[in-house]
Protein backbone atom coordinates (compact mmCIF):
# COMPACT_ATOMS: atom_id res chain seq x y z
CA MET A 1 -0.01 -0.30 -0.22
CA ARG A 2 1.37 3.38 -0.88
CA ALA A 3 1.43 6.17 1.56
CA GLY A 4 -1.13 8.97 2.10
CA PHE A 5 -3.94 6.39 1.06
CA GLY A 6 -4.64 4.31 4.16
CA GLU A 7 -3.81 0.47 4.57
CA GLY A 8 -5.29 -2.97 3.97
CA ALA A 9 -7.92 -4.25 1.95
CA ASP A 10 -10.57 -2.23 2.98
CA MET A 11 -9.07 0.78 1.96
CA GLU A 12 -9.10 -1.00 -1.37
CA ARG A 13 -12.48 -1.89 -1.76
CA ARG A 14 -13.80 1.56 -1.03
CA VAL A 15 -11.36 2.93 -3.50
CA ILE A 16 -12.69 0.40 -6.15
CA LEU A 17 -16.23 1.28 -5.28
CA ALA A 18 -15.69 5.51 -5.14
CA ALA A 19 -14.05 4.90 -8.48
CA SER A 20 -16.79 2.12 -9.96
CA LEU A 21 -19.85 4.31 -9.10
CA ALA A 22 -18.04 7.60 -10.64
CA HIS A 23 -17.22 5.71 -13.79
CA GLY A 24 -20.49 4.17 -13.99
CA MET A 25 -22.27 7.91 -13.47
CA THR A 26 -19.96 9.37 -15.79
CA HIS A 27 -21.01 7.19 -18.49
CA ALA A 28 -24.83 7.09 -17.55
CA LEU A 29 -24.52 10.84 -17.96
CA GLU A 30 -22.95 10.85 -20.88
CA LEU A 31 -25.60 8.61 -22.54
CA ALA A 32 -28.75 10.04 -21.16
CA PHE A 33 -29.28 12.52 -24.14
CA ALA A 34 -29.24 9.68 -26.60
CA ALA A 35 -31.95 7.93 -24.62
CA LEU A 36 -34.15 10.78 -24.70
CA LEU A 37 -33.49 12.25 -28.01
CA VAL A 38 -36.22 11.68 -29.60
CA ARG A 39 -38.72 13.04 -26.33
CA ILE A 40 -36.45 16.23 -26.22
CA GLY A 41 -36.80 16.58 -30.04
CA ALA A 42 -40.67 16.37 -29.74
CA GLU A 43 -40.63 18.97 -26.98
CA PHE A 44 -38.75 21.41 -28.84
CA GLY A 45 -39.69 20.81 -32.18
CA VAL A 46 -36.41 19.98 -34.27
CA GLY A 47 -35.56 16.68 -36.02
CA LEU A 48 -32.81 14.30 -35.35
CA SER A 49 -30.23 15.90 -37.33
CA LEU A 50 -30.00 19.35 -35.26
CA LEU A 51 -30.07 16.98 -32.18
CA GLY A 52 -27.40 15.09 -33.50
CA VAL A 53 -25.08 18.13 -33.80
CA ILE A 54 -26.18 19.41 -29.92
CA ALA A 55 -25.21 15.86 -28.87
CA ASN A 56 -21.56 16.06 -30.74
CA VAL A 57 -20.86 19.08 -28.89
CA GLY A 58 -21.64 17.61 -25.72
CA THR A 59 -19.10 14.62 -26.82
CA LEU A 60 -16.71 16.85 -27.89
CA THR A 61 -16.44 18.82 -24.54
CA PHE A 62 -16.16 15.21 -23.03
CA GLY A 63 -13.17 14.53 -25.12
CA ALA A 64 -11.80 17.85 -24.72
CA THR A 65 -11.33 18.11 -20.82
CA ALA A 66 -8.92 14.95 -20.42
CA LEU A 67 -5.68 17.12 -20.49
CA PRO A 68 -6.79 19.63 -18.33
CA ALA A 69 -7.96 16.74 -15.99
CA GLY A 70 -4.61 15.33 -16.00
CA TRP A 71 -3.38 18.76 -14.86
CA LEU A 72 -5.97 19.07 -11.98
CA THR A 73 -5.83 15.68 -10.54
CA ASP A 74 -1.40 16.07 -10.65
CA ARG A 75 -2.39 19.45 -8.50
CA PHE A 76 -5.44 18.68 -6.46
CA GLY A 77 -5.20 14.67 -6.32
CA PRO A 78 -7.79 12.63 -7.72
CA ARG A 79 -10.54 12.21 -5.36
CA ALA A 80 -11.00 16.04 -5.39
CA VAL A 81 -10.95 16.14 -8.83
CA ILE A 82 -13.69 13.66 -9.37
CA THR A 83 -16.00 15.24 -6.28
CA GLY A 84 -15.77 18.31 -8.37
CA ALA A 85 -16.19 16.64 -11.36
CA LEU A 86 -19.26 14.94 -10.51
CA GLY A 87 -20.84 17.93 -8.33
CA THR A 88 -20.35 20.51 -11.43
CA ALA A 89 -21.71 17.72 -13.59
CA ALA A 90 -24.95 17.52 -11.36
CA ALA A 91 -25.31 21.28 -11.59
CA PHE A 92 -25.20 21.21 -15.64
CA ALA A 93 -27.95 18.02 -15.68
CA VAL A 94 -30.13 20.36 -13.61
CA ALA A 95 -28.97 23.09 -16.25
CA VAL A 96 -29.94 20.65 -18.99
CA ALA A 97 -33.22 19.55 -17.29
CA LEU A 98 -34.63 23.27 -17.01
CA ALA A 99 -33.44 24.29 -20.03
CA PRO A 100 -36.19 26.56 -21.82
CA ASN A 101 -34.47 26.63 -25.47
CA LEU A 102 -32.03 25.08 -27.63
CA LEU A 103 -29.49 27.18 -26.89
CA VAL A 104 -29.67 26.53 -23.67
CA LEU A 105 -30.01 22.94 -23.92
CA GLY A 106 -26.60 22.66 -26.14
CA THR A 107 -24.71 25.03 -23.59
CA ALA A 108 -25.90 22.89 -21.01
CA LEU A 109 -25.27 19.73 -22.63
CA ALA A 110 -21.58 21.14 -23.91
CA LEU A 111 -20.61 21.79 -20.02
CA LEU A 112 -22.03 18.73 -19.09
CA GLY A 113 -20.17 16.96 -21.33
CA ALA A 114 -16.69 19.07 -20.38
CA ALA A 115 -17.52 18.13 -16.57
CA ILE A 116 -17.79 14.28 -17.28
CA GLY A 117 -15.22 14.20 -19.56
CA VAL A 118 -12.81 15.23 -16.06
CA TYR A 119 -13.41 11.80 -14.91
CA HIS A 120 -11.18 9.10 -16.88
CA PRO A 121 -7.44 10.69 -15.57
CA PRO A 122 -8.18 11.14 -11.89
CA GLY A 123 -10.41 7.71 -11.77
CA THR A 124 -7.74 5.77 -13.45
CA ALA A 125 -4.92 7.39 -11.28
CA MET A 126 -6.64 6.79 -8.10
CA VAL A 127 -6.94 3.26 -9.00
CA SER A 128 -3.38 2.95 -9.91
CA ALA A 129 -2.41 4.56 -6.82
CA VAL A 130 -3.96 2.72 -4.23
CA ILE A 131 -4.89 -0.87 -5.64
CA GLU A 132 -2.24 -3.78 -5.32
CA GLN A 133 -3.88 -5.90 -8.05
CA ARG A 134 -4.28 -3.27 -10.63
CA GLY A 135 -5.62 -5.97 -13.24
CA ARG A 136 -8.84 -7.02 -11.40
CA ALA A 137 -9.63 -3.55 -10.05
CA PHE A 138 -9.52 -1.85 -13.53
CA ALA A 139 -11.53 -4.94 -14.67
CA ILE A 140 -14.25 -4.01 -11.82
CA HIS A 141 -13.72 -0.20 -12.73
CA GLY A 142 -14.70 -1.07 -16.86
CA ILE A 143 -17.54 -3.20 -15.79
CA ALA A 144 -18.95 -0.11 -13.42
CA GLY A 145 -18.36 2.07 -17.04
CA ASN A 146 -20.06 -0.42 -18.88
CA LEU A 147 -22.84 -1.07 -16.71
CA GLY A 148 -23.38 2.96 -16.22
CA ILE A 149 -23.73 2.79 -20.31
CA SER A 150 -26.28 0.16 -20.04
CA ALA A 151 -28.20 1.83 -17.33
CA ALA A 152 -28.39 5.35 -18.71
CA PRO A 153 -31.18 4.27 -21.47
CA ALA A 154 -33.08 2.19 -18.48
CA ILE A 155 -33.16 4.96 -16.04
CA ALA A 156 -33.49 7.76 -18.33
CA THR A 157 -36.31 6.01 -20.43
CA SER A 158 -38.51 4.50 -17.57
CA VAL A 159 -38.38 8.09 -15.86
CA ALA A 160 -39.44 9.57 -18.85
CA LEU A 161 -42.14 7.67 -19.11
CA LEU A 162 -43.22 7.93 -15.60
CA LEU A 163 -42.67 12.03 -16.11
CA ASP A 164 -40.92 13.62 -18.71
CA TRP A 165 -37.23 13.70 -20.07
CA ARG A 166 -36.81 16.80 -17.79
CA ALA A 167 -37.42 14.76 -14.56
CA ALA A 168 -34.69 12.13 -16.03
CA TYR A 169 -32.44 14.30 -16.02
CA LEU A 170 -33.01 15.58 -12.11
CA VAL A 171 -32.91 12.08 -11.13
CA LEU A 172 -29.35 12.05 -12.69
CA ALA A 173 -28.63 14.89 -11.36
CA ALA A 174 -29.27 13.41 -7.99
CA LEU A 175 -27.59 10.38 -8.54
CA ALA A 176 -24.44 12.14 -9.68
CA ALA A 177 -24.36 14.70 -6.38
CA LEU A 178 -24.79 11.97 -4.26
CA VAL A 179 -21.90 9.85 -5.91
CA ALA A 180 -19.83 13.21 -5.50
CA VAL A 181 -20.65 12.81 -1.65
CA LEU A 182 -19.53 9.16 -1.32
CA VAL A 183 -16.33 9.59 -3.22
CA SER A 184 -15.73 12.86 -1.22
């Protein structure tokens, strides 16, 4: 075990759990828009082509924040960066839910993409720094990301069917805030 991260298997389990929850939440937030695309388009009266452009802006910002995330991780530590990223993502998911028009929606999705794009460098750094059996830990971490990918459509569309697409983003925002608190 490396200095500064505690000792024992208990610490390793907590780190794997925190990183895995954050990874799954990151990908759930990433894919929620795709699951809700048709409902969002119907509300705003726009087609899939324009919504695809808006989705790509969020994807672009998701990828663009990796390099700054690495710098932030080296400066402030993985846990602080993950907590900040998920807290910020929760706020921008609320902004998506409250978007009154396409410009605000696109801006909020771009900022949400930027926030969740911060996750991977600190997540992998946290696992790498603490876990002795990294192969197993990264396998669990990877599975959790894929569970987030598969959970996004189920969560988002279930909530949208019961209430509406905006409520789905509010539920995801609450989950992201909860994971941020658990990681902190």
